[in-house]
């Protein structure tokens, strides 16, 4: 994950395989056993996520956000 400075807490709260400075943010590499957990984390972080690899993980979070908004008549 490429994260904005406001999401630096991710590197402190979750075990990371690697943490690298990235401009004014961080790149964290997480070992994820449950894609549902990663989708939850991405939804929680929202605009603080600047990039996701693999892209499919980010796509799943975008789809979940759209479905949630549609449920409120906003999407």
PDB file of N, CA and C in Angstrom:
ATOM      1  N   UNK A   1       0.838  -1.172   0.000  1.00  0.00           N
ATOM      2  CA  UNK A   1       0.000   0.000   0.000  1.00  0.00           C
ATOM      3  C   UNK A   1       0.884   1.236   0.000  1.00  0.00           C
ATOM      4  N   UNK A   2       0.533   2.201  -0.822  1.00  0.00           N
ATOM      5  CA  UNK A   2       1.155   3.513  -0.775  1.00  0.00           C
ATOM      6  C   UNK A   2       0.214   4.404   0.026  1.00  0.00           C
ATOM      7  N   UNK A   3       0.717   4.965   1.114  1.00  0.00           N
ATOM      8  CA  UNK A   3      -0.127   5.665   2.069  1.00  0.00           C
ATOM      9  C   UNK A   3       0.293   7.112   2.258  1.00  0.00           C
ATOM     10  N   UNK A   4      -0.692   7.970   2.458  1.00  0.00           N
ATOM     11  CA  UNK A   4      -0.456   9.357   2.822  1.00  0.00           C
ATOM     12  C   UNK A   4       0.045   9.410   4.267  1.00  0.00           C
ATOM     13  N   UNK A   5       0.651  10.512   4.675  1.00  0.00           N
ATOM     14  CA  UNK A   5       1.185  10.612   6.035  1.00  0.00           C
ATOM     15  C   UNK A   5       0.155  10.325   7.128  1.00  0.00           C
ATOM     16  N   UNK A   6      -1.089  10.666   6.908  1.00  0.00           N
ATOM     17  CA  UNK A   6      -2.117  10.439   7.912  1.00  0.00           C
ATOM     18  C   UNK A   6      -2.416   8.976   8.180  1.00  0.00           C
ATOM     19  N   UNK A   7      -1.885   8.094   7.341  1.00  0.00           N
ATOM     20  CA  UNK A   7      -2.106   6.654   7.525  1.00  0.00           C
ATOM     21  C   UNK A   7      -0.850   5.940   8.004  1.00  0.00           C
ATOM     22  N   UNK A   8       0.138   6.697   8.465  1.00  0.00           N
ATOM     23  CA  UNK A   8       1.387   6.087   8.940  1.00  0.00           C
ATOM     24  C   UNK A   8       1.153   5.122  10.092  1.00  0.00           C
ATOM     25  N   UNK A   9       0.054   5.283  10.799  1.00  0.00           N
ATOM     26  CA  UNK A   9      -0.263   4.399  11.922  1.00  0.00           C
ATOM     27  C   UNK A   9      -0.392   2.943  11.487  1.00  0.00           C
ATOM     28  N   UNK A  10      -0.684   2.699  10.211  1.00  0.00           N
ATOM     29  CA  UNK A  10      -0.818   1.325   9.719  1.00  0.00           C
ATOM     30  C   UNK A  10       0.488   0.562   9.971  1.00  0.00           C
ATOM     31  N   UNK A  11       1.613   1.213   9.730  1.00  0.00           N
ATOM     32  CA  UNK A  11       2.921   0.567   9.923  1.00  0.00           C
ATOM     33  C   UNK A  11       3.191   0.267  11.393  1.00  0.00           C
ATOM     34  N   UNK A  12       2.536   0.990  12.284  1.00  0.00           N
ATOM     35  CA  UNK A  12       2.732   0.774  13.713  1.00  0.00           C
ATOM     36  C   UNK A  12       1.756  -0.242  14.295  1.00  0.00           C
ATOM     37  N   UNK A  13       0.599  -0.391  13.657  1.00  0.00           N
ATOM     38  CA  UNK A  13      -0.468  -1.241  14.213  1.00  0.00           C
ATOM     39  C   UNK A  13      -0.540  -2.635  13.612  1.00  0.00           C
ATOM     40  N   UNK A  14       0.030  -2.827  12.438  1.00  0.00           N
ATOM     41  CA  UNK A  14      -0.051  -4.119  11.763  1.00  0.00           C
ATOM     42  C   UNK A  14       1.337  -4.601  11.388  1.00  0.00           C
ATOM     43  N   UNK A  15       1.563  -5.917  11.463  1.00  0.00           N
ATOM     44  CA  UNK A  15       2.875  -6.446  11.073  1.00  0.00           C
ATOM     45  C   UNK A  15       3.125  -6.196   9.583  1.00  0.00           C
ATOM     46  N   UNK A  16       4.239  -5.567   9.281  1.00  0.00           N
ATOM     47  CA  UNK A  16       4.599  -5.252   7.900  1.00  0.00           C
ATOM     48  C   UNK A  16       5.843  -6.035   7.506  1.00  0.00           C
ATOM     49  N   UNK A  17       5.842  -6.539   6.293  1.00  0.00           N
ATOM     50  CA  UNK A  17       7.029  -7.197   5.768  1.00  0.00           C
ATOM     51  C   UNK A  17       8.095  -6.166   5.426  1.00  0.00           C
ATOM     52  N   UNK A  18       7.622  -4.976   5.021  1.00  0.00           N
ATOM     53  CA  UNK A  18       8.553  -3.903   4.652  1.00  0.00           C
ATOM     54  C   UNK A  18       7.844  -2.567   4.812  1.00  0.00           C
ATOM     55  N   UNK A  19       8.574  -1.565   5.240  1.00  0.00           N
ATOM     56  CA  UNK A  19       8.081  -0.190   5.328  1.00  0.00           C
ATOM     57  C   UNK A  19       9.146   0.698   4.698  1.00  0.00           C
ATOM     58  N   UNK A  20       8.743   1.508   3.719  1.00  0.00           N
ATOM     59  CA  UNK A  20       9.687   2.385   3.029  1.00  0.00           C
ATOM     60  C   UNK A  20       9.118   3.792   2.971  1.00  0.00           C
ATOM     61  N   UNK A  21       9.962   4.800   3.134  1.00  0.00           N
ATOM     62  CA  UNK A  21       9.493   6.158   2.905  1.00  0.00           C
ATOM     63  C   UNK A  21       9.161   6.330   1.426  1.00  0.00           C
ATOM     64  N   UNK A  22       8.127   7.091   1.150  1.00  0.00           N
ATOM     65  CA  UNK A  22       7.695   7.286  -0.231  1.00  0.00           C
ATOM     66  C   UNK A  22       7.245   8.735  -0.377  1.00  0.00           C
ATOM     67  N   UNK A  23       8.158   9.598  -0.797  1.00  0.00           N
ATOM     68  CA  UNK A  23       7.829  11.018  -0.898  1.00  0.00           C
ATOM     69  C   UNK A  23       7.402  11.530   0.462  1.00  0.00           C
ATOM     70  N   UNK A  24       6.160  12.000   0.546  1.00  0.00           N
ATOM     71  CA  UNK A  24       5.656  12.484   1.832  1.00  0.00           C
ATOM     72  C   UNK A  24       4.769  11.453   2.515  1.00  0.00           C
ATOM     73  N   UNK A  25       4.894  10.189   2.130  1.00  0.00           N
ATOM     74  CA  UNK A  25       4.099   9.127   2.737  1.00  0.00           C
ATOM     75  C   UNK A  25       4.935   7.892   2.982  1.00  0.00           C
ATOM     76  N   UNK A  26       4.275   6.756   2.970  1.00  0.00           N
ATOM     77  CA  UNK A  26       4.937   5.468   3.204  1.00  0.00           C
ATOM     78  C   UNK A  26       4.449   4.432   2.203  1.00  0.00           C
ATOM     79  N   UNK A  27       5.309   3.490   1.926  1.00  0.00           N
ATOM     80  CA  UNK A  27       4.895   2.265   1.234  1.00  0.00           C
ATOM     81  C   UNK A  27       5.033   1.151   2.248  1.00  0.00           C
ATOM     82  N   UNK A  28       3.947   0.443   2.507  1.00  0.00           N
ATOM     83  CA  UNK A  28       3.986  -0.694   3.424  1.00  0.00           C
ATOM     84  C   UNK A  28       3.617  -1.950   2.662  1.00  0.00           C
ATOM     85  N   UNK A  29       4.324  -3.001   2.961  1.00  0.00           N
ATOM     86  CA  UNK A  29       4.038  -4.308   2.373  1.00  0.00           C
ATOM     87  C   UNK A  29       3.529  -5.182   3.508  1.00  0.00           C
ATOM     88  N   UNK A  30       2.288  -5.603   3.368  1.00  0.00           N
ATOM     89  CA  UNK A  30       1.629  -6.424   4.378  1.00  0.00           C
ATOM     90  C   UNK A  30       1.440  -7.833   3.854  1.00  0.00           C
ATOM     91  N   UNK A  31       1.536  -8.807   4.721  1.00  0.00           N
ATOM     92  CA  UNK A  31       1.182 -10.177   4.391  1.00  0.00           C
ATOM     93  C   UNK A  31      -0.281 -10.338   4.783  1.00  0.00           C
ATOM     94  N   UNK A  32      -1.136 -10.554   3.802  1.00  0.00           N
ATOM     95  CA  UNK A  32      -2.584 -10.581   4.043  1.00  0.00           C
ATOM     96  C   UNK A  32      -3.109 -11.993   3.827  1.00  0.00           C
ATOM     97  N   UNK A  33      -3.666 -12.567   4.883  1.00  0.00           N
ATOM     98  CA  UNK A  33      -4.238 -13.908   4.798  1.00  0.00           C
ATOM     99  C   UNK A  33      -5.712 -13.868   4.423  1.00  0.00           C
ATOM    100  N   UNK A  34      -6.373 -12.752   4.690  1.00  0.00           N
ATOM    101  CA  UNK A  34      -7.816 -12.644   4.472  1.00  0.00           C
ATOM    102  C   UNK A  34      -8.125 -11.412   3.633  1.00  0.00           C
ATOM    103  N   UNK A  35      -8.507 -11.590   2.369  1.00  0.00           N
ATOM    104  CA  UNK A  35      -8.818 -10.452   1.517  1.00  0.00           C
ATOM    105  C   UNK A  35      -9.938  -9.569   2.073  1.00  0.00           C
ATOM    106  N   UNK A  36     -10.831 -10.137   2.860  1.00  0.00           N
ATOM    107  CA  UNK A  36     -11.905  -9.347   3.462  1.00  0.00           C
ATOM    108  C   UNK A  36     -11.328  -8.334   4.447  1.00  0.00           C
ATOM    109  N   UNK A  37     -10.319  -8.735   5.196  1.00  0.00           N
ATOM    110  CA  UNK A  37      -9.670  -7.818   6.121  1.00  0.00           C
ATOM    111  C   UNK A  37      -9.018  -6.661   5.372  1.00  0.00           C
ATOM    112  N   UNK A  38      -8.331  -6.963   4.275  1.00  0.00           N
ATOM    113  CA  UNK A  38      -7.687  -5.909   3.498  1.00  0.00           C
ATOM    114  C   UNK A  38      -8.720  -4.951   2.924  1.00  0.00           C
ATOM    115  N   UNK A  39      -9.832  -5.474   2.439  1.00  0.00           N
ATOM    116  CA  UNK A  39     -10.901  -4.612   1.921  1.00  0.00           C
ATOM    117  C   UNK A  39     -11.409  -3.684   3.026  1.00  0.00           C
ATOM    118  N   UNK A  40     -11.589  -4.217   4.233  1.00  0.00           N
ATOM    119  CA  UNK A  40     -12.021  -3.406   5.371  1.00  0.00           C
ATOM    120  C   UNK A  40     -11.003  -2.299   5.665  1.00  0.00           C
ATOM    121  N   UNK A  41      -9.707  -2.657   5.666  1.00  0.00           N
ATOM    122  CA  UNK A  41      -8.666  -1.671   5.939  1.00  0.00           C
ATOM    123  C   UNK A  41      -8.679  -0.571   4.882  1.00  0.00           C
ATOM    124  N   UNK A  42      -8.795  -0.937   3.622  1.00  0.00           N
ATOM    125  CA  UNK A  42      -8.822   0.059   2.546  1.00  0.00           C
ATOM    126  C   UNK A  42     -10.024   0.981   2.673  1.00  0.00           C
ATOM    127  N   UNK A  43     -11.180   0.420   3.022  1.00  0.00           N
ATOM    128  CA  UNK A  43     -12.370   1.258   3.210  1.00  0.00           C
ATOM    129  C   UNK A  43     -12.164   2.206   4.387  1.00  0.00           C
ATOM    130  N   UNK A  44     -11.540   1.738   5.436  1.00  0.00           N
ATOM    131  CA  UNK A  44     -11.288   2.577   6.612  1.00  0.00           C
ATOM    132  C   UNK A  44     -10.328   3.718   6.279  1.00  0.00           C
ATOM    133  N   UNK A  45      -9.313   3.432   5.480  1.00  0.00           N
ATOM    134  CA  UNK A  45      -8.320   4.438   5.139  1.00  0.00           C
ATOM    135  C   UNK A  45      -8.802   5.430   4.088  1.00  0.00           C
ATOM    136  N   UNK A  46      -9.673   4.988   3.204  1.00  0.00           N
ATOM    137  CA  UNK A  46     -10.240   5.868   2.181  1.00  0.00           C
ATOM    138  C   UNK A  46      -9.191   6.629   1.397  1.00  0.00           C
ATOM    139  N   UNK A  47      -9.295   7.955   1.368  1.00  0.00           N
ATOM    140  CA  UNK A  47      -8.395   8.756   0.528  1.00  0.00           C
ATOM    141  C   UNK A  47      -6.946   8.799   1.012  1.00  0.00           C
ATOM    142  N   UNK A  48      -6.665   8.204   2.152  1.00  0.00           N
ATOM    143  CA  UNK A  48      -5.284   8.140   2.616  1.00  0.00           C
ATOM    144  C   UNK A  48      -4.485   7.073   1.881  1.00  0.00           C
ATOM    145  N   UNK A  49      -5.187   6.235   1.106  1.00  0.00           N
ATOM    146  CA  UNK A  49      -4.523   5.227   0.282  1.00  0.00           C
ATOM    147  C   UNK A  49      -4.256   5.854  -1.081  1.00  0.00           C
ATOM    148  N   UNK A  50      -3.000   5.883  -1.457  1.00  0.00           N
ATOM    149  CA  UNK A  50      -2.615   6.475  -2.746  1.00  0.00           C
ATOM    150  C   UNK A  50      -2.383   5.425  -3.823  1.00  0.00           C
ATOM    151  N   UNK A  51      -2.175   4.181  -3.418  1.00  0.00           N
ATOM    152  CA  UNK A  51      -1.948   3.120  -4.382  1.00  0.00           C
ATOM    153  C   UNK A  51      -2.055   1.765  -3.714  1.00  0.00           C
ATOM    154  N   UNK A  52      -2.526   0.777  -4.483  1.00  0.00           N
ATOM    155  CA  UNK A  52      -2.706  -0.583  -3.977  1.00  0.00           C
ATOM    156  C   UNK A  52      -2.143  -1.565  -4.992  1.00  0.00           C
ATOM    157  N   UNK A  53      -1.355  -2.496  -4.500  1.00  0.00           N
ATOM    158  CA  UNK A  53      -0.884  -3.599  -5.327  1.00  0.00           C
ATOM    159  C   UNK A  53      -1.140  -4.875  -4.545  1.00  0.00           C
ATOM    160  N   UNK A  54      -1.830  -5.842  -5.109  1.00  0.00           N
ATOM    161  CA  UNK A  54      -2.332  -5.894  -6.470  1.00  0.00           C
ATOM    162  C   UNK A  54      -3.578  -5.031  -6.654  1.00  0.00           C
ATOM    163  N   UNK A  55      -3.756  -4.573  -7.868  1.00  0.00           N
ATOM    164  CA  UNK A  55      -4.866  -3.676  -8.181  1.00  0.00           C
ATOM    165  C   UNK A  55      -6.218  -4.294  -7.860  1.00  0.00           C
ATOM    166  N   UNK A  56      -6.337  -5.612  -7.975  1.00  0.00           N
ATOM    167  CA  UNK A  56      -7.614  -6.285  -7.696  1.00  0.00           C
ATOM    168  C   UNK A  56      -8.079  -6.031  -6.269  1.00  0.00           C
ATOM    169  N   UNK A  57      -7.144  -5.888  -5.339  1.00  0.00           N
ATOM    170  CA  UNK A  57      -7.524  -5.611  -3.947  1.00  0.00           C
ATOM    171  C   UNK A  57      -8.160  -4.235  -3.843  1.00  0.00           C
ATOM    172  N   UNK A  58      -7.583  -3.276  -4.518  1.00  0.00           N
ATOM    173  CA  UNK A  58      -8.168  -1.940  -4.538  1.00  0.00           C
ATOM    174  C   UNK A  58      -9.512  -1.922  -5.236  1.00  0.00           C
ATOM    175  N   UNK A  59      -9.626  -2.676  -6.319  1.00  0.00           N
ATOM    176  CA  UNK A  59     -10.889  -2.753  -7.059  1.00  0.00           C
ATOM    177  C   UNK A  59     -11.994  -3.311  -6.176  1.00  0.00           C
ATOM    178  N   UNK A  60     -11.669  -4.312  -5.362  1.00  0.00           N
ATOM    179  CA  UNK A  60     -12.667  -4.901  -4.466  1.00  0.00           C
ATOM    180  C   UNK A  60     -13.152  -3.885  -3.441  1.00  0.00           C
ATOM    181  N   UNK A  61     -12.250  -3.039  -2.946  1.00  0.00           N
ATOM    182  CA  UNK A  61     -12.641  -2.012  -1.981  1.00  0.00           C
ATOM    183  C   UNK A  61     -13.501  -0.947  -2.650  1.00  0.00           C
ATOM    184  N   UNK A  62     -13.161  -0.568  -3.864  1.00  0.00           N
ATOM    185  CA  UNK A  62     -13.972   0.414  -4.603  1.00  0.00           C
ATOM    186  C   UNK A  62     -15.373  -0.130  -4.821  1.00  0.00           C
ATOM    187  N   UNK A  63     -15.477  -1.377  -5.218  1.00  0.00           N
ATOM    188  CA  UNK A  63     -16.787  -1.990  -5.429  1.00  0.00           C
ATOM    189  C   UNK A  63     -17.596  -2.018  -4.131  1.00  0.00           C
ATOM    190  N   UNK A  64     -16.961  -2.375  -3.027  1.00  0.00           N
ATOM    191  CA  UNK A  64     -17.654  -2.415  -1.739  1.00  0.00           C
ATOM    192  C   UNK A  64     -18.136  -1.019  -1.340  1.00  0.00           C
ATOM    193  N   UNK A  65     -17.326   0.005  -1.590  1.00  0.00           N
ATOM    194  CA  UNK A  65     -17.729   1.380  -1.268  1.00  0.00           C
ATOM    195  C   UNK A  65     -18.925   1.801  -2.125  1.00  0.00           C
ATOM    196  N   UNK A  66     -18.884   1.467  -3.402  1.00  0.00           N
ATOM    197  CA  UNK A  66     -20.008   1.811  -4.290  1.00  0.00           C
ATOM    198  C   UNK A  66     -21.293   1.117  -3.852  1.00  0.00           C
ATOM    199  N   UNK A  67     -21.182  -0.145  -3.478  1.00  0.00           N
ATOM    200  CA  UNK A  67     -22.366  -0.884  -3.016  1.00  0.00           C
ATOM    201  C   UNK A  67     -22.934  -0.264  -1.738  1.00  0.00           C
ATOM    202  N   UNK A  68     -22.045   0.155  -0.840  1.00  0.00           N
ATOM    203  CA  UNK A  68     -22.506   0.776   0.409  1.00  0.00           C
ATOM    204  C   UNK A  68     -23.205   2.092   0.117  1.00  0.00           C
ATOM    205  N   UNK A  69     -22.646   2.897  -0.757  1.00  0.00           N
ATOM    206  CA  UNK A  69     -23.281   4.175  -1.124  1.00  0.00           C
ATOM    207  C   UNK A  69     -24.621   3.963  -1.805  1.00  0.00           C
ATOM    208  N   UNK A  70     -24.687   2.966  -2.663  1.00  0.00           N
ATOM    209  CA  UNK A  70     -25.948   2.658  -3.339  1.00  0.00           C
ATOM    210  C   UNK A  70     -27.018   2.258  -2.340  1.00  0.00           C
ATOM    211  N   UNK A  71     -26.608   1.577  -1.285  1.00  0.00           N
ATOM    212  CA  UNK A  71     -27.558   1.186  -0.250  1.00  0.00           C
ATOM    213  C   UNK A  71     -28.181   2.382   0.454  1.00  0.00           C
ATOM    214  N   UNK A  72     -27.493   3.503   0.440  1.00  0.00           N
ATOM    215  CA  UNK A  72     -28.006   4.732   1.031  1.00  0.00           C
ATOM    216  C   UNK A  72     -28.613   5.655  -0.034  1.00  0.00           C
ATOM    217  N   UNK A  73     -28.692   5.146  -1.272  1.00  0.00           N
ATOM    218  CA  UNK A  73     -29.229   5.954  -2.359  1.00  0.00           C
ATOM    219  C   UNK A  73     -28.287   7.039  -2.805  1.00  0.00           C
ATOM    220  N   UNK A  74     -26.988   6.872  -2.563  1.00  0.00           N
ATOM    221  CA  UNK A  74     -26.007   7.901  -2.899  1.00  0.00           C
ATOM    222  C   UNK A  74     -25.108   7.496  -4.068  1.00  0.00           C
ATOM    223  N   UNK A  75     -25.227   6.271  -4.535  1.00  0.00           N
ATOM    224  CA  UNK A  75     -24.288   5.831  -5.566  1.00  0.00           C
ATOM    225  C   UNK A  75     -24.906   5.577  -6.884  1.00  0.00           C
TER     226      UNK A  75
END
